Amino acid sequence: MHNFGGYSSNILDQLIIELGAIYIMDRGYLDFARLYKIHQASAFFVTRTKLNFSRIRLYSQPVDKAHSSYAPIVKKEVLIN
Protein backbone atom coordinates (compact mmCIF):
# COMPACT_ATOMS: atom_id res chain seq x y z
CA MET A 1 0.00 0.00 0.00
CA HIS A 2 1.28 3.44 -0.90
CA ASN A 3 0.23 6.80 0.46
CA PHE A 4 1.41 9.24 -2.16
CA GLY A 5 -0.08 12.39 -0.67
CA GLY A 6 -1.00 15.24 -2.96
CA TYR A 7 -3.27 14.51 -5.87
CA SER A 8 -3.78 10.82 -6.61
CA SER A 9 -4.96 11.65 -10.13
CA ASN A 10 -1.46 12.82 -11.05
CA ILE A 11 0.24 9.70 -9.72
CA LEU A 12 -2.05 7.38 -11.71
CA ASP A 13 -0.47 8.66 -14.91
CA GLN A 14 2.95 7.56 -13.62
CA LEU A 15 2.02 4.16 -12.18
CA ILE A 16 2.57 0.94 -14.05
CA ILE A 17 -0.74 -0.82 -13.49
CA GLU A 18 -0.14 -4.40 -12.33
CA LEU A 19 -2.25 -7.34 -13.43
CA GLY A 20 -4.70 -8.33 -10.67
CA ALA A 21 -3.74 -5.43 -8.38
CA ILE A 22 -6.40 -3.57 -6.42
CA TYR A 23 -6.21 0.24 -6.38
CA ILE A 24 -8.12 2.06 -3.65
CA MET A 25 -9.18 5.64 -4.41
CA ASP A 26 -10.30 8.48 -2.20
CA ARG A 27 -14.00 9.12 -1.80
CA GLY A 28 -15.42 10.84 -4.83
CA TYR A 29 -12.51 10.02 -7.18
CA LEU A 30 -14.30 9.55 -10.48
CA ASP A 31 -11.93 10.09 -13.37
CA PHE A 32 -13.53 7.51 -15.63
CA ALA A 33 -10.78 7.60 -18.28
CA ARG A 34 -8.10 6.76 -15.71
CA LEU A 35 -10.28 4.14 -14.00
CA TYR A 36 -10.92 2.53 -17.39
CA LYS A 37 -7.15 2.19 -17.91
CA ILE A 38 -7.01 0.20 -14.67
CA HIS A 39 -9.86 -2.00 -15.92
CA GLN A 40 -8.15 -2.54 -19.30
CA ALA A 41 -4.99 -3.71 -17.51
CA SER A 42 -7.00 -6.48 -15.77
CA ALA A 43 -6.59 -4.77 -12.42
CA PHE A 44 -9.30 -3.60 -10.04
CA PHE A 45 -10.25 -0.38 -8.29
CA VAL A 46 -12.42 0.54 -5.35
CA THR A 47 -13.95 3.94 -4.78
CA ARG A 48 -16.84 5.27 -2.75
CA THR A 49 -19.15 7.77 -4.37
CA LYS A 50 -20.26 11.06 -2.95
CA LEU A 51 -23.89 11.49 -2.00
CA ASN A 52 -24.62 13.67 -5.05
CA PHE A 53 -23.27 11.05 -7.50
CA SER A 54 -25.70 10.66 -10.37
CA ARG A 55 -25.33 7.82 -12.89
CA ILE A 56 -27.57 5.11 -14.30
CA ARG A 57 -27.16 1.58 -12.97
CA LEU A 58 -26.89 -0.87 -15.85
CA TYR A 59 -27.06 -3.95 -13.61
CA SER A 60 -26.05 -5.28 -10.19
CA GLN A 61 -23.82 -8.27 -9.51
CA PRO A 62 -24.05 -10.66 -6.58
CA VAL A 63 -21.85 -9.90 -3.57
CA ASP A 64 -19.96 -12.76 -1.92
CA LYS A 65 -20.66 -11.89 1.73
CA ALA A 66 -18.68 -14.86 3.02
CA HIS A 67 -15.40 -13.27 1.88
CA SER A 68 -16.15 -9.67 2.80
CA SER A 69 -16.44 -9.81 6.59
CA TYR A 70 -13.53 -7.42 7.28
CA ALA A 71 -14.82 -4.59 5.10
CA PRO A 72 -18.27 -5.62 3.88
CA ILE A 73 -19.12 -4.85 0.29
CA VAL A 74 -22.61 -3.41 0.22
CA LYS A 75 -23.18 -3.17 -3.54
CA LYS A 76 -21.43 -4.25 -6.70
CA GLU A 77 -22.92 -2.38 -9.63
CA VAL A 78 -22.08 -1.65 -13.23
CA LEU A 79 -22.86 1.96 -14.17
CA ILE A 80 -23.19 3.91 -17.38
CA ASN A 81 -22.39 7.56 -17.83
C-alpha atoms as a PDB file:
ATOM      1  CA  MET A   1       0.000   0.000   0.000  1.00  0.00           C
ATOM      2  CA  HIS A   2       1.283   3.435  -0.898  1.00  0.00           C
ATOM      3  CA  ASN A   3       0.225   6.798   0.456  1.00  0.00           C
ATOM      4  CA  PHE A   4       1.407   9.238  -2.161  1.00  0.00           C
ATOM      5  CA  GLY A   5      -0.083  12.394  -0.669  1.00  0.00           C
ATOM      6  CA  GLY A   6      -0.995  15.243  -2.955  1.00  0.00           C
ATOM      7  CA  TYR A   7      -3.271  14.509  -5.870  1.00  0.00           C
ATOM      8  CA  SER A   8      -3.782  10.820  -6.612  1.00  0.00           C
ATOM      9  CA  SER A   9      -4.960  11.651 -10.129  1.00  0.00           C
ATOM     10  CA  ASN A  10      -1.463  12.815 -11.052  1.00  0.00           C
ATOM     11  CA  ILE A  11       0.240   9.701  -9.721  1.00  0.00           C
ATOM     12  CA  LEU A  12      -2.049   7.377 -11.708  1.00  0.00           C
ATOM     13  CA  ASP A  13      -0.474   8.658 -14.912  1.00  0.00           C
ATOM     14  CA  GLN A  14       2.950   7.564 -13.622  1.00  0.00           C
ATOM     15  CA  LEU A  15       2.018   4.161 -12.175  1.00  0.00           C
ATOM     16  CA  ILE A  16       2.568   0.936 -14.047  1.00  0.00           C
ATOM     17  CA  ILE A  17      -0.743  -0.822 -13.486  1.00  0.00           C
ATOM     18  CA  GLU A  18      -0.142  -4.398 -12.331  1.00  0.00           C
ATOM     19  CA  LEU A  19      -2.249  -7.344 -13.431  1.00  0.00           C
ATOM     20  CA  GLY A  20      -4.699  -8.326 -10.673  1.00  0.00           C
ATOM     21  CA  ALA A  21      -3.737  -5.432  -8.377  1.00  0.00           C
ATOM     22  CA  ILE A  22      -6.396  -3.570  -6.420  1.00  0.00           C
ATOM     23  CA  TYR A  23      -6.209   0.237  -6.381  1.00  0.00           C
ATOM     24  CA  ILE A  24      -8.125   2.065  -3.649  1.00  0.00           C
ATOM     25  CA  MET A  25      -9.178   5.638  -4.411  1.00  0.00           C
ATOM     26  CA  ASP A  26     -10.301   8.476  -2.201  1.00  0.00           C
ATOM     27  CA  ARG A  27     -13.999   9.116  -1.801  1.00  0.00           C
ATOM     28  CA  GLY A  28     -15.420  10.841  -4.830  1.00  0.00           C
ATOM     29  CA  TYR A  29     -12.515  10.017  -7.183  1.00  0.00           C
ATOM     30  CA  LEU A  30     -14.304   9.551 -10.484  1.00  0.00           C
ATOM     31  CA  ASP A  31     -11.929  10.090 -13.369  1.00  0.00           C
ATOM     32  CA  PHE A  32     -13.529   7.507 -15.631  1.00  0.00           C
ATOM     33  CA  ALA A  33     -10.778   7.601 -18.279  1.00  0.00           C
ATOM     34  CA  ARG A  34      -8.098   6.760 -15.709  1.00  0.00           C
ATOM     35  CA  LEU A  35     -10.280   4.140 -14.003  1.00  0.00           C
ATOM     36  CA  TYR A  36     -10.915   2.532 -17.385  1.00  0.00           C
ATOM     37  CA  LYS A  37      -7.149   2.188 -17.913  1.00  0.00           C
ATOM     38  CA  ILE A  38      -7.009   0.195 -14.671  1.00  0.00           C
ATOM     39  CA  HIS A  39      -9.862  -1.995 -15.919  1.00  0.00           C
ATOM     40  CA  GLN A  40      -8.150  -2.540 -19.300  1.00  0.00           C
ATOM     41  CA  ALA A  41      -4.986  -3.712 -17.507  1.00  0.00           C
ATOM     42  CA  SER A  42      -7.004  -6.481 -15.775  1.00  0.00           C
ATOM     43  CA  ALA A  43      -6.591  -4.770 -12.422  1.00  0.00           C
ATOM     44  CA  PHE A  44      -9.301  -3.597 -10.039  1.00  0.00           C
ATOM     45  CA  PHE A  45     -10.251  -0.383  -8.289  1.00  0.00           C
ATOM     46  CA  VAL A  46     -12.423   0.539  -5.345  1.00  0.00           C
ATOM     47  CA  THR A  47     -13.946   3.939  -4.783  1.00  0.00           C
ATOM     48  CA  ARG A  48     -16.843   5.274  -2.747  1.00  0.00           C
ATOM     49  CA  THR A  49     -19.146   7.770  -4.368  1.00  0.00           C
ATOM     50  CA  LYS A  50     -20.259  11.064  -2.954  1.00  0.00           C
ATOM     51  CA  LEU A  51     -23.887  11.490  -2.000  1.00  0.00           C
ATOM     52  CA  ASN A  52     -24.616  13.670  -5.048  1.00  0.00           C
ATOM     53  CA  PHE A  53     -23.266  11.047  -7.496  1.00  0.00           C
ATOM     54  CA  SER A  54     -25.701  10.663 -10.370  1.00  0.00           C
ATOM     55  CA  ARG A  55     -25.328   7.816 -12.885  1.00  0.00           C
ATOM     56  CA  ILE A  56     -27.567   5.110 -14.301  1.00  0.00           C
ATOM     57  CA  ARG A  57     -27.156   1.577 -12.968  1.00  0.00           C
ATOM     58  CA  LEU A  58     -26.893  -0.867 -15.846  1.00  0.00           C
ATOM     59  CA  TYR A  59     -27.057  -3.949 -13.611  1.00  0.00           C
ATOM     60  CA  SER A  60     -26.049  -5.284 -10.192  1.00  0.00           C
ATOM     61  CA  GLN A  61     -23.819  -8.265  -9.512  1.00  0.00           C
ATOM     62  CA  PRO A  62     -24.045 -10.659  -6.578  1.00  0.00           C
ATOM     63  CA  VAL A  63     -21.852  -9.898  -3.567  1.00  0.00           C
ATOM     64  CA  ASP A  64     -19.960 -12.757  -1.915  1.00  0.00           C
ATOM     65  CA  LYS A  65     -20.662 -11.886   1.726  1.00  0.00           C
ATOM     66  CA  ALA A  66     -18.676 -14.861   3.017  1.00  0.00           C
ATOM     67  CA  HIS A  67     -15.398 -13.270   1.878  1.00  0.00           C
ATOM     68  CA  SER A  68     -16.146  -9.669   2.797  1.00  0.00           C
ATOM     69  CA  SER A  69     -16.436  -9.810   6.595  1.00  0.00           C
ATOM     70  CA  TYR A  70     -13.526  -7.417   7.285  1.00  0.00           C
ATOM     71  CA  ALA A  71     -14.822  -4.589   5.099  1.00  0.00           C
ATOM     72  CA  PRO A  72     -18.265  -5.622   3.881  1.00  0.00           C
ATOM     73  CA  ILE A  73     -19.123  -4.850   0.288  1.00  0.00           C
ATOM     74  CA  VAL A  74     -22.614  -3.406   0.223  1.00  0.00           C
ATOM     75  CA  LYS A  75     -23.184  -3.175  -3.536  1.00  0.00           C
ATOM     76  CA  LYS A  76     -21.435  -4.246  -6.696  1.00  0.00           C
ATOM     77  CA  GLU A  77     -22.920  -2.378  -9.628  1.00  0.00           C
ATOM     78  CA  VAL A  78     -22.075  -1.646 -13.234  1.00  0.00           C
ATOM     79  CA  LEU A  79     -22.863   1.957 -14.168  1.00  0.00           C
ATOM     80  CA  ILE A  80     -23.189   3.914 -17.379  1.00  0.00           C
ATOM     81  CA  ASN A  81     -22.388   7.563 -17.827  1.00  0.00           C
END
